[in-house]
Amino acid sequence: MPEAASVPSPSRAAPGDSEFDRDTAVARREPGVYDIDLSAGWTIINAVNGGYLLAVLGRALADTLPHPDPFTISAHYLTASQPGPAVVRTETVRTGRTLSTGQASLLQYDGEGNEVERIRVLASYGDLATLPDDVRTTAAPPAIPPIEQCFGPDDSPAPVPGSSAITDRLMLKLDPATLGWALGAPSGKGEMRAWFGLADGRDADPLSLLLAVDALPPTAFEIGLEGWVPTVELTVHVRHRPAPGPLRVSITTRNLAGGFLEEDAEVWDSADRLVAQSRQLARVRLG
């Protein structure tokens, strides 16, 4: 078990009674059509975080499809989402005994009242509780110092560049080895590692894993770049229901070329299980 795998929380929210649950809840208007008011509490600078948005779409698909859990979900981010009213439209593509597949779009309105598509998703759902226990892997949890030796936004002597409302809703403690960018001395390695959880103490579930893979500062910061790194495409594989306790998230970038980079993420739970993986293609602002 990892050392120092818990953080005291004055009040521990239960699944279903967390700010994350309230802010990702969708209201079914009719079959396949859901309304939501995107919360400003999950913004980075002025745009709504892509992992939060993926969780919103994931919740709508869980209501649409006969299976409860996302196994794989791929999202294309077409335009930046803003806090405020939005519509999610879902469609069942195929249903089977162990997997069902659906697609979903999130839309908002322009100044003239026209719908503008923000995100389009294709996903396959199943039931994580029915998976066999057999694991054969060469993967290992990331080596992150104990939580009390890591640092969060509140530990910075000065405002962290690009810090936003979302940081108030997360328990985020970054590995000092990946914090060079915050001290003006990025390592150039393209790595980011952290302990992760929700600030209200709610334990992780499959939907919150969709947030976890996209909630750390961009690896571009450790490469020496600054500013917004908008997501073009994000694919997440959910492998297990996470055990209670904080998660460990490791994200790496090996290649930045033509103004685009990839981010490969792994999410590990308190039982040392790889519970989610993702790959993201993001655009960087050069110069």
Protein backbone atom coordinates (compact mmCIF):
# COMPACT_ATOMS: atom_id res chain seq x y z
CA MET A 1 0.00 0.00 0.00
CA PRO A 2 1.26 3.53 -0.72
CA GLU A 3 2.58 5.56 2.18
CA ALA A 4 0.40 8.39 3.55
CA ALA A 5 -2.57 7.46 1.41
CA SER A 6 -5.14 9.66 3.10
CA VAL A 7 -5.81 13.32 3.75
CA PRO A 8 -7.94 14.52 6.65
CA SER A 9 -11.23 16.01 5.52
CA PRO A 10 -13.46 18.01 7.88
CA SER A 11 -16.56 16.59 6.20
CA ARG A 12 -16.62 13.60 3.90
CA ALA A 13 -19.21 13.73 1.15
CA ALA A 14 -20.81 10.49 0.02
CA PRO A 15 -21.33 9.62 -3.65
CA GLY A 16 -24.55 11.29 -4.75
CA ASP A 17 -24.18 14.05 -2.14
CA SER A 18 -21.09 15.81 -3.51
CA GLU A 19 -20.63 19.04 -5.40
CA PHE A 20 -19.28 16.93 -8.26
CA ASP A 21 -22.51 14.92 -8.37
CA ARG A 22 -24.71 18.00 -8.22
CA ASP A 23 -22.74 19.82 -10.91
CA THR A 24 -22.71 16.85 -13.31
CA ALA A 25 -26.37 15.94 -12.78
CA VAL A 26 -28.45 16.09 -15.98
CA ALA A 27 -32.23 16.54 -16.13
CA ARG A 28 -33.96 14.30 -18.68
CA ARG A 29 -36.26 16.45 -20.80
CA GLU A 30 -37.29 13.51 -22.98
CA PRO A 31 -35.60 10.24 -24.00
CA GLY A 32 -32.16 11.11 -25.34
CA VAL A 33 -32.34 14.81 -24.44
CA TYR A 34 -30.92 16.21 -21.18
CA ASP A 35 -30.58 19.71 -19.77
CA ILE A 36 -27.78 20.95 -17.54
CA ASP A 37 -26.44 24.25 -16.26
CA LEU A 38 -22.64 23.97 -16.57
CA SER A 39 -21.12 25.21 -13.33
CA ALA A 40 -18.53 28.00 -13.30
CA GLY A 41 -16.89 26.12 -10.43
CA TRP A 42 -15.11 23.79 -12.87
CA THR A 43 -13.47 26.40 -15.10
CA ILE A 44 -9.84 26.83 -16.05
CA ILE A 45 -9.33 30.53 -16.76
CA ASN A 46 -12.62 31.15 -18.62
CA ALA A 47 -13.32 27.73 -20.18
CA VAL A 48 -15.03 24.75 -18.56
CA ASN A 49 -12.64 21.88 -17.81
CA GLY A 50 -12.74 19.06 -20.35
CA GLY A 51 -12.72 16.28 -17.76
CA TYR A 52 -15.73 17.77 -15.98
CA LEU A 53 -17.54 18.01 -19.31
CA LEU A 54 -16.69 14.39 -20.11
CA ALA A 55 -18.21 13.38 -16.76
CA VAL A 56 -21.41 15.28 -17.65
CA LEU A 57 -21.69 13.41 -20.96
CA GLY A 58 -20.74 10.17 -19.22
CA ARG A 59 -23.59 10.59 -16.74
CA ALA A 60 -26.11 11.20 -19.54
CA LEU A 61 -24.90 8.08 -21.38
CA ALA A 62 -25.16 6.02 -18.18
CA ASP A 63 -28.84 7.02 -18.05
CA THR A 64 -29.35 6.22 -21.73
CA LEU A 65 -27.57 2.86 -21.98
CA PRO A 66 -28.49 -0.38 -20.18
CA HIS A 67 -25.00 -0.75 -18.63
CA PRO A 68 -23.81 1.47 -15.76
CA ASP A 69 -20.09 2.07 -16.26
CA PRO A 70 -17.96 3.69 -18.98
CA PHE A 71 -15.37 1.21 -20.25
CA THR A 72 -14.03 3.44 -23.03
CA ILE A 73 -15.10 6.94 -23.98
CA SER A 74 -13.63 9.09 -26.74
CA ALA A 75 -14.42 12.79 -27.01
CA HIS A 76 -13.69 15.36 -29.70
CA TYR A 77 -13.72 18.92 -28.37
CA LEU A 78 -15.09 21.10 -31.14
CA THR A 79 -15.51 24.50 -29.46
CA ALA A 80 -14.82 25.81 -25.95
CA SER A 81 -17.69 25.35 -23.50
CA GLN A 82 -18.78 28.19 -21.24
CA PRO A 83 -20.60 28.13 -17.89
CA GLY A 84 -24.36 28.24 -18.31
CA PRO A 85 -27.19 26.29 -19.94
CA ALA A 86 -26.37 23.34 -22.19
CA VAL A 87 -28.16 20.42 -23.82
CA VAL A 88 -26.86 16.85 -24.07
CA ARG A 89 -28.29 14.67 -26.84
CA THR A 90 -27.62 10.94 -26.65
CA GLU A 91 -28.22 8.01 -28.98
CA THR A 92 -27.94 4.27 -28.45
CA VAL A 93 -25.79 2.76 -31.21
CA ARG A 94 -25.84 -0.90 -30.12
CA THR A 95 -26.71 -2.96 -27.09
CA GLY A 96 -25.27 -6.37 -26.23
CA ARG A 97 -25.09 -8.68 -23.25
CA THR A 98 -21.81 -7.34 -21.84
CA LEU A 99 -21.30 -4.04 -23.66
CA SER A 100 -23.50 -1.30 -25.03
CA THR A 101 -22.36 1.57 -27.22
CA GLY A 102 -23.75 5.07 -27.47
CA GLN A 103 -22.90 8.51 -28.70
CA ALA A 104 -23.58 11.92 -27.24
CA SER A 105 -23.16 15.60 -28.05
CA LEU A 106 -23.08 18.62 -25.77
CA LEU A 107 -24.52 21.80 -27.25
CA GLN A 108 -24.86 25.39 -26.11
CA TYR A 109 -26.44 28.48 -27.64
CA ASP A 110 -24.87 31.39 -29.47
CA GLY A 111 -25.99 35.00 -29.18
CA GLU A 112 -28.80 34.41 -31.68
CA GLY A 113 -30.16 31.34 -29.89
CA ASN A 114 -28.70 28.78 -32.32
CA GLU A 115 -27.31 25.50 -31.02
CA VAL A 116 -23.51 25.18 -31.23
CA GLU A 117 -21.98 21.74 -30.74
CA ARG A 118 -19.18 21.79 -28.17
CA ILE A 119 -18.24 18.11 -27.79
CA ARG A 120 -19.06 14.84 -29.54
CA VAL A 121 -18.51 11.50 -27.77
CA LEU A 122 -18.59 7.80 -28.68
CA ALA A 123 -18.52 5.38 -25.74
CA SER A 124 -18.90 1.73 -24.76
CA TYR A 125 -20.40 0.87 -21.38
CA GLY A 126 -20.44 -2.31 -19.31
CA ASP A 127 -20.55 -3.38 -15.67
CA LEU A 128 -17.17 -3.16 -13.91
CA ALA A 129 -18.48 -5.30 -11.06
CA THR A 130 -18.74 -8.33 -13.37
CA LEU A 131 -15.12 -8.29 -14.59
CA PRO A 132 -12.81 -11.18 -13.59
CA ASP A 133 -10.08 -10.55 -11.00
CA ASP A 134 -7.23 -11.90 -13.14
CA VAL A 135 -4.54 -9.19 -13.70
CA ARG A 136 -1.33 -9.71 -15.68
CA THR A 137 0.62 -6.49 -16.07
CA THR A 138 4.06 -4.93 -16.26
CA ALA A 139 2.66 -1.54 -15.18
CA ALA A 140 3.65 -0.17 -11.77
CA PRO A 141 2.26 2.70 -9.70
CA PRO A 142 4.11 6.01 -10.05
CA ALA A 143 6.67 6.83 -7.37
CA ILE A 144 5.14 9.88 -5.67
CA PRO A 145 6.29 11.16 -2.26
CA PRO A 146 3.81 11.00 0.65
CA ILE A 147 1.03 13.58 0.48
CA GLU A 148 2.51 15.75 3.24
CA GLN A 149 5.68 16.13 1.11
CA CYS A 150 3.73 17.27 -1.97
CA PHE A 151 2.32 20.69 -2.76
CA GLY A 152 -1.05 22.10 -3.79
CA PRO A 153 -2.25 25.49 -5.06
CA ASP A 154 -2.55 26.80 -1.49
CA ASP A 155 1.13 26.11 -0.85
CA SER A 156 2.35 28.48 -3.55
CA PRO A 157 3.88 31.75 -2.28
CA ALA A 158 2.39 33.50 -5.32
CA PRO A 159 -0.65 32.79 -7.53
CA VAL A 160 0.00 29.86 -9.83
CA PRO A 161 -0.23 30.91 -13.52
CA GLY A 162 -3.57 29.82 -14.96
CA SER A 163 -5.01 28.75 -11.60
CA SER A 164 -8.78 28.76 -11.69
CA ALA A 165 -12.02 27.97 -9.90
CA ILE A 166 -11.59 24.22 -10.39
CA THR A 167 -8.66 24.12 -7.94
CA ASP A 168 -11.04 24.93 -5.07
CA ARG A 169 -12.98 21.74 -5.80
CA LEU A 170 -10.02 19.39 -5.90
CA MET A 171 -7.59 17.84 -3.45
CA LEU A 172 -4.48 18.17 -5.59
CA LYS A 173 -0.98 17.62 -4.22
CA LEU A 174 1.74 17.74 -6.85
CA ASP A 175 5.01 15.80 -6.78
CA PRO A 176 7.79 18.36 -6.15
CA ALA A 177 9.83 16.71 -8.92
CA THR A 178 7.24 17.96 -11.43
CA LEU A 179 6.88 21.48 -9.99
CA GLY A 180 9.84 23.18 -11.62
CA TRP A 181 7.52 25.23 -13.83
CA ALA A 182 5.95 26.88 -10.76
CA LEU A 183 9.43 28.00 -9.62
CA GLY A 184 10.50 29.31 -13.02
CA ALA A 185 12.73 26.30 -13.69
CA PRO A 186 10.80 23.68 -15.72
CA SER A 187 12.56 20.33 -16.01
CA GLY A 188 11.89 19.92 -19.73
CA LYS A 189 10.75 16.33 -19.12
CA GLY A 190 7.04 16.70 -19.84
CA GLU A 191 5.91 14.93 -16.65
CA MET A 192 3.21 15.72 -14.09
CA ARG A 193 2.38 13.58 -11.05
CA ALA A 194 -0.01 14.19 -8.17
CA TRP A 195 -2.24 12.83 -5.46
CA PHE A 196 -5.81 13.54 -6.52
CA GLY A 197 -9.24 13.63 -4.95
CA LEU A 198 -12.32 15.79 -4.58
CA ALA A 199 -12.04 18.58 -2.01
CA ASP A 200 -15.21 17.50 -0.18
CA GLY A 201 -13.75 14.05 0.48
CA ARG A 202 -16.06 12.08 -1.82
CA ASP A 203 -14.38 8.84 -2.90
CA ALA A 204 -13.73 8.28 -6.57
CA ASP A 205 -16.03 6.30 -8.86
CA PRO A 206 -15.88 5.55 -12.60
CA LEU A 207 -17.39 8.92 -13.58
CA SER A 208 -14.98 10.94 -11.45
CA LEU A 209 -12.10 9.07 -13.13
CA LEU A 210 -13.11 10.91 -16.31
CA LEU A 211 -12.31 14.12 -14.43
CA ALA A 212 -9.09 12.83 -12.86
CA VAL A 213 -7.29 12.23 -16.17
CA ASP A 214 -7.73 15.89 -17.18
CA ALA A 215 -7.42 17.81 -13.89
CA LEU A 216 -3.66 18.23 -13.39
CA PRO A 217 -1.67 21.19 -14.75
CA PRO A 218 -0.61 20.58 -18.37
CA THR A 219 2.65 18.72 -18.95
CA ALA A 220 3.45 21.59 -21.33
CA PHE A 221 4.31 23.66 -18.24
CA GLU A 222 7.22 21.32 -17.44
CA ILE A 223 8.35 21.51 -21.07
CA GLY A 224 8.70 25.26 -20.59
CA LEU A 225 5.51 26.49 -22.24
CA GLU A 226 2.86 28.71 -20.70
CA GLY A 227 -0.81 29.42 -21.34
CA TRP A 228 -3.87 27.47 -22.28
CA VAL A 229 -3.46 23.94 -23.74
CA PRO A 230 -6.88 23.17 -25.30
CA THR A 231 -7.87 19.53 -25.75
CA VAL A 232 -8.56 18.34 -29.30
CA GLU A 233 -9.36 14.69 -28.51
CA LEU A 234 -9.43 12.64 -25.31
CA THR A 235 -9.91 8.88 -24.94
CA VAL A 236 -10.30 7.31 -21.50
CA HIS A 237 -10.27 3.61 -20.58
CA VAL A 238 -11.80 2.79 -17.18
CA ARG A 239 -10.38 -0.51 -15.87
CA HIS A 240 -11.71 -0.91 -12.31
CA ARG A 241 -13.95 0.69 -9.73
CA PRO A 242 -11.44 2.56 -7.54
CA ALA A 243 -10.93 1.63 -3.90
CA PRO A 244 -11.66 4.33 -1.29
CA GLY A 245 -8.90 6.89 -0.72
CA PRO A 246 -6.92 9.34 -2.80
CA LEU A 247 -5.77 8.52 -6.31
CA ARG A 248 -2.33 8.84 -7.83
CA VAL A 249 -2.23 10.37 -11.31
CA SER A 250 0.78 10.31 -13.61
CA ILE A 251 0.81 12.15 -16.95
CA THR A 252 3.63 12.17 -19.51
CA THR A 253 4.33 13.80 -22.85
CA ARG A 254 7.01 12.39 -25.13
CA ASN A 255 6.47 14.37 -28.31
CA LEU A 256 5.55 17.95 -29.11
CA ALA A 257 5.51 18.65 -32.83
CA GLY A 258 3.66 21.01 -35.14
CA GLY A 259 2.00 22.77 -32.23
CA PHE A 260 0.39 19.59 -30.85
CA LEU A 261 1.36 17.24 -28.03
CA GLU A 262 0.02 14.02 -26.52
CA GLU A 263 -0.63 13.42 -22.83
CA ASP A 264 -0.68 9.82 -21.60
CA ALA A 265 -2.28 9.47 -18.16
CA GLU A 266 -2.47 6.63 -15.65
CA VAL A 267 -4.69 6.69 -12.56
CA TRP A 268 -3.91 4.36 -9.63
CA ASP A 269 -6.08 3.76 -6.58
CA SER A 270 -5.18 3.16 -2.92
CA ALA A 271 -5.04 -0.61 -3.56
CA ASP A 272 -2.27 -0.14 -6.15
CA ARG A 273 -4.58 -0.94 -9.06
CA LEU A 274 -4.47 0.79 -12.41
CA VAL A 275 -8.06 2.05 -12.54
CA ALA A 276 -7.97 4.34 -15.60
CA GLN A 277 -5.79 5.24 -18.56
CA SER A 278 -6.11 7.98 -21.14
CA ARG A 279 -4.48 9.57 -24.15
CA GLN A 280 -5.13 13.16 -25.09
CA LEU A 281 -4.14 15.23 -28.11
CA ALA A 282 -3.80 18.89 -27.19
CA ARG A 283 -2.85 22.05 -28.96
CA VAL A 284 -0.17 24.36 -27.61
CA ARG A 285 0.26 28.08 -28.19
CA LEU A 286 3.84 28.52 -29.39
CA GLY A 287 5.58 31.88 -29.31
